[in-house]
Amino acid sequence: MADDFHHTWSEFVRGLRRGGLRNRHPILFRVLQMVAALAICWLFLYAVSPRTMFIGLETEKPLTVPLRYTPPVPLVNYPPTQVGDKSPVQWLRDNSYNQPVGKLSAENLIADKPKPKAALIALVRNSEQDGMVHSILQVEARFNSRKMHRYDWVLFNDEPFSDEFKAAITNATSSTVHFEQIKASHWDIPEWIDESRFNVGREFQGGIGVGKAWLKSYHQMCRWNSGLFALEDRLLSYDWYWRVEPDVQYTCDINYDVFKFMSDNNMAYGFNMAILDDARSFPSLWERTQTFKKNNANLVHPHADMRWLLHETDEPDRMVRAGVGYHATAGTQYNNCQFYSNFEIGSLEFFRGKQHRAYFDYLDHAGGFFYERYGDAPIHTLSVSMFLPKSRVWFFRDIGYAHGLCENCPPHVAKLPMGPEADLWRTKTADVTASMHKDEQQLALVSKDFERQDIIPGLACGCTMTSFDMGFSKLVPFESKQTKPIDTCIRLWLRGKYLLKKAGWSREAEIEAGGDGYGGYLISGLEANPVVL
């Protein structure tokens, strides 16, 4: 049999040499031609193309799971949550992915829980069509266009939306969009308001420079955003909301489900800036809030922490700043800090709950939304701080956001960060290398640095990194003589190490050199947090 095979093979080879394959076996000849051509093309592509095109062919296990990373987060001592013994920071480590929005598919995630009932909401007018389309495109590109997100949009207006507006918004997203007209009872001036007094008051406030205080619609907007928004019929079927303003910038990819983060970690309110507001807008707000607390002590959460909103603190040298001099002030006066509510992610259940509704109704019937210019930002801030423990409030430092004068651009470099959390990593590394030879230790540390820099990607951002202190008082006009806190609002909320100053730093020297007196911190606010391996 071997002889027969040898004879056949010899005849086949001789046929090739005589050129008879084309004539004797035309089909086989064409097949071989095609195979040879494909092999040459493959070799050419392999030679000139990036090797990443062929990763799936060179490894037995295709890389189907994207790289995990840790977004920059503040180091606040959050307790374990209902997801076992994991902290919110650990949740982010386990559920954040360094993949472009269009690349991460539903197969990459474990569908252990249904998607939260959540919506992206906006209060907008027909005249703001271009600005709203711009904002929606930003949110879609950075977060919502992923297949496993695609949360609904719910847009509100005090007037009917035009067909042109609806068409433009619908074309900007692949998600469902609801266009809602606000209830008249939620928008009109309530019957207990003296409109003559309201008109005189807004003219006066506008005359002294209180922002937009002369606009009737601005007072109505602040009132609606402060509490009535959560009672709109369309939102009753949702548990969570993300507020989006027209003409804003979202500058970083958001590589996890923010609503799932809030739900899994029992959060009720999320922000990404804490700033100072103009005290002339709400001169009676703090006094009325104190009265409400006194008369409704049972509603205040036992673990509420309002220290960050007070001029008086535990540290005697951290009181208040007035003008260019510094002095201690007795009492517990409001320092006018607030969460910047133009960006917020929150629980609708909280804003529909009895605590917030009771507080809102008390302020509403006192007339502060019309006789003064109570804003939704201080109302939400005071409510959250009174009725929630701090463990249910989250600082979204990793969400890049810009609106007018206010901006948050988080750390987004793919290098070893020099943040406070790095101390823990250094300690672990030292334990591992303690018994090694000195040269081996140095080599191991250098190798580890390169390894970590290679596997820990940074955020994908399109902005210049900012400290979280930047511009915290930009909303306070120069002519305002209000007393300012001695530390920035976000540091007063974070507290602890964030308030420590460098040795030898002088506030007076900084001011004399042209600074604002808010420098010299040991933690600059530019640090990112490394993954602790």
Protein backbone atom coordinates (compact mmCIF):
# COMPACT_ATOMS: atom_id res chain seq x y z
CA MET A 1 0.00 0.00 0.00
CA ALA A 2 2.90 2.30 0.75
CA ASP A 3 4.24 1.60 -2.74
CA ASP A 4 0.89 2.56 -4.30
CA PHE A 5 0.81 5.86 -2.34
CA HIS A 6 4.42 6.62 -3.37
CA HIS A 7 3.59 5.93 -7.02
CA THR A 8 0.50 8.17 -6.90
CA TRP A 9 2.40 11.01 -5.20
CA SER A 10 5.24 10.72 -7.75
CA GLU A 11 2.76 10.96 -10.62
CA PHE A 12 1.15 14.02 -8.96
CA VAL A 13 4.52 15.79 -8.57
CA ARG A 14 5.54 14.96 -12.16
CA GLY A 15 2.22 16.36 -13.29
CA LEU A 16 2.93 19.60 -11.46
CA ARG A 17 6.34 19.82 -13.13
CA ARG A 18 4.83 19.28 -16.57
CA GLY A 19 2.19 21.94 -15.86
CA GLY A 20 -0.54 19.39 -16.32
CA LEU A 21 -2.41 20.19 -13.07
CA ARG A 22 -4.23 23.09 -14.69
CA ASN A 23 -5.51 20.76 -17.43
CA ARG A 24 -6.01 17.50 -15.52
CA HIS A 25 -7.37 18.97 -12.26
CA PRO A 26 -8.69 22.49 -13.03
CA ILE A 27 -10.84 22.75 -9.87
CA LEU A 28 -8.03 21.67 -7.57
CA PHE A 29 -5.71 24.10 -9.33
CA ARG A 30 -8.05 27.02 -8.69
CA VAL A 31 -8.50 26.06 -5.05
CA LEU A 32 -4.75 25.99 -4.54
CA GLN A 33 -4.46 29.38 -6.24
CA MET A 34 -7.03 30.87 -3.84
CA VAL A 35 -5.38 29.34 -0.77
CA ALA A 36 -2.00 30.71 -1.83
CA ALA A 37 -3.45 34.20 -2.42
CA LEU A 38 -5.19 34.23 0.99
CA ALA A 39 -2.00 33.07 2.71
CA ILE A 40 0.00 35.89 1.10
CA CYS A 41 -2.64 38.49 2.12
CA TRP A 42 -2.69 37.18 5.70
CA LEU A 43 1.08 37.35 5.99
CA PHE A 44 1.07 40.89 4.60
CA LEU A 45 -1.58 42.08 7.06
CA TYR A 46 0.22 40.46 9.96
CA ALA A 47 3.44 42.22 8.99
CA VAL A 48 2.00 45.74 8.68
CA SER A 49 -0.87 45.75 11.20
CA PRO A 50 -0.87 46.21 15.00
CA ARG A 51 -0.55 42.93 16.87
CA THR A 52 -3.74 43.70 18.79
CA MET A 53 -5.70 42.61 15.70
CA PHE A 54 -4.49 39.06 16.28
CA ILE A 55 -4.70 38.79 20.08
CA GLY A 56 -7.73 36.53 19.89
CA LEU A 57 -5.81 34.10 17.67
CA GLU A 58 -2.65 34.00 19.75
CA THR A 59 -4.20 33.15 23.09
CA GLU A 60 -6.33 30.24 24.15
CA LYS A 61 -8.55 32.50 26.30
CA PRO A 62 -9.86 35.57 24.47
CA LEU A 63 -9.81 38.76 26.55
CA THR A 64 -13.55 39.10 27.09
CA VAL A 65 -13.40 40.85 30.48
CA PRO A 66 -12.35 44.52 30.32
CA LEU A 67 -9.75 46.00 32.65
CA ARG A 68 -11.05 47.13 36.01
CA TYR A 69 -9.84 50.37 37.49
CA THR A 70 -10.58 52.61 40.45
CA PRO A 71 -12.09 56.04 39.85
CA PRO A 72 -10.71 58.81 42.07
CA VAL A 73 -12.76 58.85 45.26
CA PRO A 74 -12.59 60.84 48.50
CA LEU A 75 -11.22 59.03 51.54
CA VAL A 76 -14.21 59.24 53.82
CA ASN A 77 -14.79 56.43 56.30
CA TYR A 78 -17.91 54.87 54.82
CA PRO A 79 -19.20 51.84 56.73
CA PRO A 80 -19.89 48.49 55.03
CA THR A 81 -23.16 48.40 53.12
CA GLN A 82 -25.87 45.88 52.41
CA VAL A 83 -23.67 44.26 49.75
CA GLY A 84 -21.86 42.12 52.29
CA ASP A 85 -18.73 43.53 53.88
CA LYS A 86 -17.72 45.65 50.89
CA SER A 87 -17.44 49.41 51.08
CA PRO A 88 -18.61 51.74 48.27
CA VAL A 89 -14.96 52.11 47.24
CA GLN A 90 -14.65 48.35 46.86
CA TRP A 91 -17.87 48.32 44.86
CA LEU A 92 -16.25 50.75 42.42
CA ARG A 93 -13.17 48.54 42.16
CA ASP A 94 -15.32 45.54 41.34
CA ASN A 95 -17.73 47.21 38.93
CA SER A 96 -15.78 49.86 37.02
CA TYR A 97 -14.36 49.10 33.60
CA ASN A 98 -11.84 50.87 31.42
CA GLN A 99 -13.68 50.46 28.14
CA PRO A 100 -14.97 53.07 25.67
CA VAL A 101 -18.71 53.60 25.83
CA GLY A 102 -19.34 51.81 22.54
CA LYS A 103 -17.15 48.77 23.36
CA LEU A 104 -18.61 47.47 26.63
CA SER A 105 -21.42 45.03 26.03
CA ALA A 106 -23.99 43.53 28.35
CA GLU A 107 -22.12 40.22 28.31
CA ASN A 108 -19.33 41.86 30.33
CA LEU A 109 -21.58 42.37 33.33
CA ILE A 110 -23.24 39.96 35.73
CA ALA A 111 -26.96 40.63 35.67
CA ASP A 112 -27.46 39.74 39.32
CA LYS A 113 -30.05 42.45 39.87
CA PRO A 114 -32.58 44.21 37.64
CA LYS A 115 -31.68 47.64 36.32
CA PRO A 116 -32.70 50.41 38.75
CA LYS A 117 -35.83 52.40 37.94
CA ALA A 118 -34.08 55.64 37.12
CA ALA A 119 -34.36 58.60 34.77
CA LEU A 120 -32.28 61.52 33.57
CA ILE A 121 -34.38 64.63 34.15
CA ALA A 122 -34.23 68.26 33.05
CA LEU A 123 -36.26 71.43 33.45
CA VAL A 124 -35.93 73.16 30.09
CA ARG A 125 -37.69 75.54 27.72
CA ASN A 126 -38.18 75.45 23.97
CA SER A 127 -35.72 78.33 23.60
CA GLU A 128 -33.00 76.15 25.19
CA GLN A 129 -33.23 73.47 22.52
CA ASP A 130 -29.63 73.72 21.30
CA GLY A 131 -28.22 73.74 24.84
CA MET A 132 -30.32 70.72 25.84
CA VAL A 133 -29.29 68.75 22.76
CA HIS A 134 -25.67 69.55 23.59
CA SER A 135 -26.08 68.24 27.17
CA ILE A 136 -27.88 65.08 26.07
CA LEU A 137 -25.18 64.29 23.53
CA GLN A 138 -22.59 64.71 26.31
CA VAL A 139 -24.37 62.34 28.70
CA GLU A 140 -25.07 59.82 25.96
CA ALA A 141 -21.45 59.78 24.81
CA ARG A 142 -20.00 59.50 28.31
CA PHE A 143 -22.54 57.18 29.93
CA ASN A 144 -26.05 56.49 28.68
CA SER A 145 -25.50 55.07 25.18
CA ARG A 146 -24.21 51.78 26.61
CA LYS A 147 -26.68 48.99 26.00
CA MET A 148 -26.91 48.06 29.67
CA HIS A 149 -27.70 51.68 30.63
CA ARG A 150 -29.99 53.53 28.20
CA TYR A 151 -32.02 55.13 30.97
CA ASP A 152 -35.10 57.17 30.09
CA TRP A 153 -35.04 60.93 29.68
CA VAL A 154 -37.85 62.96 31.27
CA LEU A 155 -37.99 66.61 30.25
CA PHE A 156 -40.19 69.16 32.00
CA ASN A 157 -41.48 72.54 30.87
CA ASP A 158 -44.04 74.97 32.28
CA GLU A 159 -45.36 75.32 28.69
CA PRO A 160 -46.03 72.72 25.98
CA PHE A 161 -42.94 71.54 24.11
CA SER A 162 -42.82 72.42 20.42
CA ASP A 163 -42.71 69.71 17.74
CA GLU A 164 -39.31 71.01 16.63
CA PHE A 165 -37.96 70.68 20.19
CA LYS A 166 -39.31 67.13 20.54
CA ALA A 167 -37.80 66.05 17.22
CA ALA A 168 -34.37 67.49 18.06
CA ILE A 169 -34.28 65.82 21.50
CA THR A 170 -35.53 62.46 20.24
CA ASN A 171 -32.83 62.40 17.57
CA ALA A 172 -30.11 63.01 20.19
CA THR A 173 -30.67 59.75 22.11
CA SER A 174 -31.60 56.12 21.53
CA SER A 175 -33.41 56.02 24.88
CA THR A 176 -37.09 56.68 25.53
CA VAL A 177 -37.92 60.37 26.01
CA HIS A 178 -40.95 61.71 27.90
CA PHE A 179 -42.01 65.33 27.41
CA GLU A 180 -43.99 66.60 30.38
CA GLN A 181 -45.77 69.88 31.16
CA ILE A 182 -45.49 70.81 34.83
CA LYS A 183 -48.69 70.81 36.82
CA ALA A 184 -50.14 74.28 37.30
CA SER A 185 -50.35 73.62 41.06
CA HIS A 186 -46.59 72.97 41.08
CA TRP A 187 -45.66 76.07 39.08
CA ASP A 188 -48.12 78.89 39.70
CA ILE A 189 -47.58 81.31 42.57
CA PRO A 190 -49.44 79.82 45.56
CA GLU A 191 -52.46 81.57 46.95
CA TRP A 192 -50.83 82.44 50.28
CA ILE A 193 -48.20 84.64 48.62
CA ASP A 194 -48.74 88.41 48.56
CA GLU A 195 -47.79 89.19 44.96
CA SER A 196 -47.33 92.92 45.65
CA ARG A 197 -44.75 92.10 48.32
CA PHE A 198 -43.15 89.58 45.96
CA ASN A 199 -42.80 92.15 43.17
CA VAL A 200 -41.28 94.76 45.48
CA GLY A 201 -38.88 92.20 46.94
CA ARG A 202 -37.59 90.89 43.63
CA GLU A 203 -37.02 94.41 42.32
CA PHE A 204 -35.00 95.20 45.46
CA GLN A 205 -32.97 91.99 45.28
CA GLY A 206 -32.30 92.52 41.61
CA GLY A 207 -31.20 96.07 42.35
CA ILE A 208 -28.55 94.95 44.84
CA GLY A 209 -27.18 92.30 42.48
CA VAL A 210 -28.71 89.03 43.69
CA GLY A 211 -28.48 86.77 40.64
CA LYS A 212 -31.70 86.49 38.59
CA ALA A 213 -33.76 87.55 41.62
CA TRP A 214 -35.81 89.96 39.46
CA LEU A 215 -37.11 87.11 37.29
CA LYS A 216 -40.48 85.75 38.37
CA SER A 217 -39.84 82.46 36.58
CA TYR A 218 -36.53 81.98 38.43
CA HIS A 219 -38.33 81.99 41.78
CA GLN A 220 -40.85 79.48 40.40
CA MET A 221 -38.03 77.29 39.10
CA CYS A 222 -36.18 77.28 42.44
CA ARG A 223 -39.37 76.33 44.26
CA TRP A 224 -40.15 73.47 41.82
CA ASN A 225 -36.59 72.10 41.92
CA SER A 226 -36.51 72.29 45.72
CA GLY A 227 -39.21 69.70 46.24
CA LEU A 228 -42.15 69.65 43.86
CA PHE A 229 -40.23 68.00 41.03
CA ALA A 230 -40.30 64.64 42.84
CA LEU A 231 -44.10 64.76 43.04
CA GLU A 232 -44.69 65.02 39.28
CA ASP A 233 -46.84 62.13 38.03
CA ARG A 234 -44.30 60.93 35.45
CA LEU A 235 -41.58 60.48 38.09
CA LEU A 236 -43.75 58.40 40.41
CA SER A 237 -42.70 55.27 38.50
CA TYR A 238 -38.97 55.96 39.10
CA ASP A 239 -36.80 55.56 42.20
CA TRP A 240 -33.73 57.54 41.10
CA TYR A 241 -33.00 60.70 39.14
CA TRP A 242 -29.97 62.40 37.60
CA ARG A 243 -30.44 66.13 37.06
CA VAL A 244 -29.06 67.47 33.76
CA GLU A 245 -28.99 71.17 32.90
CA PRO A 246 -28.94 72.63 29.37
CA ASP A 247 -25.57 73.59 27.89
CA VAL A 248 -23.26 71.75 30.31
CA GLN A 249 -20.11 69.69 29.74
CA TYR A 250 -19.53 66.11 30.88
CA THR A 251 -15.82 65.71 30.34
CA CYS A 252 -14.99 62.14 31.48
CA ASP A 253 -16.25 58.66 30.59
CA ILE A 254 -18.37 57.21 33.40
CA ASN A 255 -17.42 53.55 33.41
CA TYR A 256 -19.97 52.12 35.82
CA ASP A 257 -23.71 52.36 36.42
CA VAL A 258 -24.17 55.33 38.76
CA PHE A 259 -27.73 54.33 39.62
CA LYS A 260 -26.68 50.79 40.47
CA PHE A 261 -23.90 52.25 42.61
CA MET A 262 -26.42 54.37 44.52
CA SER A 263 -28.87 51.49 44.92
CA ASP A 264 -26.35 48.79 45.90
CA ASN A 265 -24.61 51.02 48.44
CA ASN A 266 -27.73 52.51 50.05
CA MET A 267 -26.85 56.04 48.95
CA ALA A 268 -29.55 58.70 48.77
CA TYR A 269 -27.73 61.74 47.40
CA GLY A 270 -24.67 62.32 45.21
CA PHE A 271 -22.86 65.54 44.27
CA ASN A 272 -19.54 66.54 42.72
CA MET A 273 -19.05 70.12 43.89
CA ALA A 274 -19.56 71.96 47.17
CA ILE A 275 -19.47 75.73 46.81
CA LEU A 276 -20.35 78.97 48.56
CA ASP A 277 -23.62 80.78 47.79
CA ASP A 278 -24.57 84.44 48.00
CA ALA A 279 -26.00 84.93 51.48
CA ARG A 280 -28.15 87.85 50.32
CA SER A 281 -30.35 85.37 48.45
CA PHE A 282 -31.83 83.78 51.58
CA PRO A 283 -31.30 85.94 54.71
CA SER A 284 -33.98 84.13 56.76
CA LEU A 285 -33.26 80.54 55.65
CA TRP A 286 -30.98 79.47 58.49
CA GLU A 287 -33.21 80.96 61.20
CA ARG A 288 -36.28 79.23 59.77
CA THR A 289 -34.35 75.97 59.48
CA GLN A 290 -33.33 76.17 63.14
CA THR A 291 -36.95 76.78 64.10
CA PHE A 292 -38.07 73.78 62.08
CA LYS A 293 -35.44 71.58 63.73
CA LYS A 294 -36.51 72.71 67.18
CA ASN A 295 -40.18 71.96 66.48
CA ASN A 296 -39.54 68.69 64.62
CA ALA A 297 -36.60 67.13 66.44
CA ASN A 298 -38.06 63.66 65.82
CA LEU A 299 -37.52 64.05 62.07
CA VAL A 300 -33.79 64.84 62.30
CA HIS A 301 -31.61 61.77 61.74
CA PRO A 302 -29.72 60.72 64.90
CA HIS A 303 -26.45 60.53 62.92
CA ALA A 304 -26.94 63.75 60.97
CA ASP A 305 -23.74 65.80 60.63
CA MET A 306 -24.24 69.52 60.02
CA ARG A 307 -20.87 70.64 61.37
CA TRP A 308 -19.58 71.40 57.90
CA LEU A 309 -22.34 74.00 57.45
CA LEU A 310 -21.44 75.96 60.59
CA HIS A 311 -18.96 78.73 61.15
CA GLU A 312 -18.28 77.38 64.63
CA THR A 313 -16.25 74.17 64.64
CA ASP A 314 -14.45 71.95 67.14
CA GLU A 315 -11.09 73.55 66.31
CA PRO A 316 -10.72 77.01 67.93
CA ASP A 317 -8.48 78.31 65.11
CA ARG A 318 -10.91 77.26 62.39
CA MET A 319 -13.74 79.70 62.77
CA VAL A 320 -14.46 82.26 60.08
CA ARG A 321 -12.81 84.66 57.70
CA ALA A 322 -14.10 88.23 57.39
CA GLY A 323 -12.49 90.58 54.89
CA VAL A 324 -8.71 90.36 55.10
CA GLY A 325 -8.64 89.63 58.84
CA TYR A 326 -9.53 86.50 60.74
CA HIS A 327 -11.40 86.16 64.00
CA ALA A 328 -13.45 83.69 65.97
CA THR A 329 -17.21 84.11 66.02
CA ALA A 330 -19.44 82.73 68.73
CA GLY A 331 -22.68 80.95 67.91
CA THR A 332 -23.62 78.50 65.19
CA GLN A 333 -24.30 80.56 62.09
CA TYR A 334 -24.73 79.11 58.61
CA ASN A 335 -21.57 79.50 56.53
CA ASN A 336 -23.60 79.41 53.26
CA CYS A 337 -21.91 76.28 51.88
CA GLN A 338 -24.01 74.11 49.60
CA PHE A 339 -23.93 71.13 47.27
CA TYR A 340 -24.00 72.43 43.70
CA SER A 341 -27.37 71.00 42.70
CA ASN A 342 -27.08 71.65 38.95
CA PHE A 343 -25.42 68.26 39.03
CA GLU A 344 -26.97 65.80 41.43
CA ILE A 345 -27.96 62.15 41.47
CA GLY A 346 -30.48 61.25 44.10
CA SER A 347 -33.24 59.15 45.54
CA LEU A 348 -36.76 60.23 44.60
CA GLU A 349 -37.99 58.30 47.62
CA PHE A 350 -36.01 60.67 49.85
CA PHE A 351 -37.41 63.81 48.23
CA ARG A 352 -40.91 62.33 48.39
CA GLY A 353 -40.40 61.27 52.02
CA LYS A 354 -42.09 62.83 55.02
CA GLN A 355 -38.96 64.56 56.34
CA HIS A 356 -38.14 66.50 53.22
CA ARG A 357 -41.77 67.23 52.40
CA ALA A 358 -42.39 68.60 55.88
CA TYR A 359 -39.30 70.83 55.66
CA PHE A 360 -40.17 72.02 52.14
CA ASP A 361 -43.81 72.75 53.04
CA TYR A 362 -42.71 74.75 56.10
CA LEU A 363 -40.36 76.92 54.03
CA ASP A 364 -42.88 77.22 51.19
CA HIS A 365 -45.67 78.51 53.43
CA ALA A 366 -43.24 80.96 55.04
CA GLY A 367 -42.87 82.56 51.59
CA GLY A 368 -39.10 82.38 51.28
CA PHE A 369 -39.14 81.25 47.65
CA PHE A 370 -40.85 84.51 46.66
CA TYR A 371 -40.16 87.16 49.30
CA GLU A 372 -36.50 86.16 49.21
CA ARG A 373 -34.73 83.94 46.66
CA TYR A 374 -34.43 80.58 48.34
CA GLY A 375 -32.50 78.35 45.95
CA ASP A 376 -32.89 74.62 45.48
CA ALA A 377 -29.17 74.07 46.21
CA PRO A 378 -29.20 75.30 49.85
CA ILE A 379 -32.61 73.64 50.42
CA HIS A 380 -31.33 70.26 49.22
CA THR A 381 -28.09 70.72 51.16
CA LEU A 382 -29.78 71.50 54.46
CA SER A 383 -32.36 68.75 53.99
CA VAL A 384 -29.78 66.09 53.12
CA SER A 385 -27.58 67.16 56.03
CA MET A 386 -30.48 67.07 58.52
CA PHE A 387 -32.31 63.93 57.47
CA LEU A 388 -29.54 61.62 56.23
CA PRO A 389 -26.42 60.19 57.84
CA LYS A 390 -23.24 61.17 56.05
CA SER A 391 -22.73 57.54 55.00
CA ARG A 392 -25.64 57.92 52.55
CA VAL A 393 -24.15 60.90 50.72
CA TRP A 394 -21.51 60.42 48.01
CA PHE A 395 -18.91 62.75 46.48
CA PHE A 396 -18.68 61.89 42.74
CA ARG A 397 -15.17 63.25 42.37
CA ASP A 398 -14.64 61.09 39.27
CA ILE A 399 -17.43 62.68 37.20
CA GLY A 400 -16.01 65.52 35.13
CA TYR A 401 -18.52 68.36 34.90
CA ALA A 402 -18.54 72.02 33.95
CA HIS A 403 -21.34 74.57 34.03
CA GLY A 404 -20.53 78.23 33.67
CA LEU A 405 -18.10 79.33 36.37
CA CYS A 406 -18.17 75.99 38.18
CA GLU A 407 -16.05 73.02 37.12
CA ASN A 408 -14.88 69.68 38.44
CA CYS A 409 -12.18 67.87 36.43
CA PRO A 410 -10.92 64.82 38.35
CA PRO A 411 -7.43 63.27 38.30
CA HIS A 412 -7.13 61.20 35.14
CA VAL A 413 -3.50 60.18 34.70
CA ALA A 414 -2.55 56.53 34.30
CA LYS A 415 0.37 56.69 36.72
CA LEU A 416 1.01 55.83 40.34
CA PRO A 417 -0.98 58.48 42.21
CA MET A 418 0.53 60.26 45.20
CA GLY A 419 -2.61 60.25 47.29
CA PRO A 420 -3.20 59.36 50.95
CA GLU A 421 -4.36 55.84 50.03
CA ALA A 422 -0.90 55.14 48.57
CA ASP A 423 0.41 54.72 52.13
CA LEU A 424 -1.49 51.44 52.45
CA TRP A 425 -0.01 50.12 49.20
CA ARG A 426 3.52 51.10 50.31
CA THR A 427 3.00 49.27 53.61
CA LYS A 428 1.89 46.09 51.84
CA THR A 429 4.80 46.30 49.42
CA ALA A 430 7.27 46.76 52.28
CA ASP A 431 5.94 43.64 54.04
CA VAL A 432 6.42 41.54 50.93
CA THR A 433 9.98 42.72 50.20
CA ALA A 434 11.29 42.96 53.76
CA SER A 435 13.36 39.76 53.53
CA MET A 436 14.84 40.43 50.09
CA HIS A 437 18.35 41.64 49.29
CA LYS A 438 18.62 45.42 48.88
CA ASP A 439 19.25 45.26 45.13
CA GLU A 440 16.45 42.76 44.67
CA GLN A 441 14.10 45.02 46.66
CA GLN A 442 14.87 48.01 44.49
CA LEU A 443 14.39 45.98 41.31
CA ALA A 444 11.11 44.55 42.61
CA LEU A 445 9.75 48.02 43.47
CA VAL A 446 10.69 49.45 40.09
CA SER A 447 9.15 46.46 38.31
CA LYS A 448 6.03 46.78 40.41
CA ASP A 449 5.70 50.46 39.55
CA PHE A 450 5.90 49.73 35.83
CA GLU A 451 3.47 46.85 36.17
CA ARG A 452 0.93 48.96 38.03
CA GLN A 453 1.24 51.86 35.63
CA ASP A 454 0.64 49.45 32.78
CA ILE A 455 -2.45 47.77 34.19
CA ILE A 456 -4.13 50.70 35.98
CA PRO A 457 -5.64 52.98 33.35
CA GLY A 458 -6.71 56.51 34.07
CA LEU A 459 -10.07 58.08 33.39
CA ALA A 460 -10.78 59.06 29.79
CA CYS A 461 -11.25 62.80 30.20
CA GLY A 462 -11.20 65.82 27.95
CA CYS A 463 -10.43 68.51 30.51
CA THR A 464 -7.57 69.98 32.50
CA MET A 465 -7.41 68.52 36.01
CA THR A 466 -8.67 70.84 38.76
CA SER A 467 -8.39 70.80 42.52
CA PHE A 468 -11.75 70.34 44.20
CA ASP A 469 -11.13 73.73 45.93
CA MET A 470 -11.04 75.64 42.67
CA GLY A 471 -13.56 78.44 42.42
CA PHE A 472 -15.58 77.42 45.46
CA SER A 473 -16.60 81.07 46.05
CA LYS A 474 -17.16 82.14 42.42
CA LEU A 475 -20.90 82.55 42.96
CA VAL A 476 -20.33 85.15 45.68
CA PRO A 477 -20.10 88.63 44.07
CA PHE A 478 -17.20 90.87 44.96
CA GLU A 479 -19.58 93.44 46.48
CA SER A 480 -20.99 90.87 48.93
CA LYS A 481 -19.63 91.42 52.46
CA GLN A 482 -20.70 88.07 53.82
CA THR A 483 -18.44 86.21 56.19
CA LYS A 484 -16.66 83.33 54.47
CA PRO A 485 -15.60 80.05 56.09
CA ILE A 486 -11.92 79.66 56.84
CA ASP A 487 -11.76 76.37 54.87
CA THR A 488 -13.33 75.54 51.54
CA CYS A 489 -16.77 73.92 51.60
CA ILE A 490 -15.68 70.54 50.28
CA ARG A 491 -12.90 70.29 52.86
CA LEU A 492 -15.32 71.10 55.65
CA TRP A 493 -17.48 68.23 54.39
CA LEU A 494 -14.55 65.80 54.01
CA ARG A 495 -12.88 66.94 57.27
CA GLY A 496 -10.05 64.96 58.89
CA LYS A 497 -6.74 65.06 56.99
CA TYR A 498 -8.24 67.35 54.36
CA LEU A 499 -8.08 70.25 56.83
CA LEU A 500 -4.39 69.82 57.77
CA LYS A 501 -1.96 72.57 56.71
CA LYS A 502 1.70 72.40 55.76
CA ALA A 503 4.22 73.36 58.46
CA GLY A 504 5.23 76.99 58.20
CA TRP A 505 2.35 78.02 55.96
CA SER A 506 0.94 81.46 56.74
CA ARG A 507 -2.50 82.62 55.72
CA GLU A 508 -1.52 86.26 56.03
CA ALA A 509 1.58 85.72 53.87
CA GLU A 510 -0.50 84.04 51.17
CA ILE A 511 -2.98 86.91 51.09
CA GLU A 512 -0.17 89.48 50.96
CA ALA A 513 1.28 87.57 48.02
CA GLY A 514 -2.03 87.89 46.15
CA GLY A 515 -3.63 84.57 47.13
CA ASP A 516 -7.10 84.02 48.54
CA GLY A 517 -6.02 82.47 51.84
CA TYR A 518 -7.26 78.99 50.94
CA GLY A 519 -3.95 77.31 50.16
CA GLY A 520 -1.31 75.43 52.11
CA TYR A 521 -3.18 72.14 52.50
CA LEU A 522 -1.23 68.90 52.94
CA ILE A 523 -3.68 67.19 50.59
CA SER A 524 -3.82 69.39 47.51
CA GLY A 525 -7.02 67.99 46.02
CA LEU A 526 -5.22 66.85 42.88
CA GLU A 527 -4.49 63.31 44.10
CA ALA A 528 -6.00 60.18 42.62
CA ASN A 529 -6.34 56.89 44.48
CA PRO A 530 -4.41 53.80 43.38
CA VAL A 531 -5.86 50.32 43.31
CA VAL A 532 -4.67 48.56 46.46
CA LEU A 533 -3.52 45.18 45.19
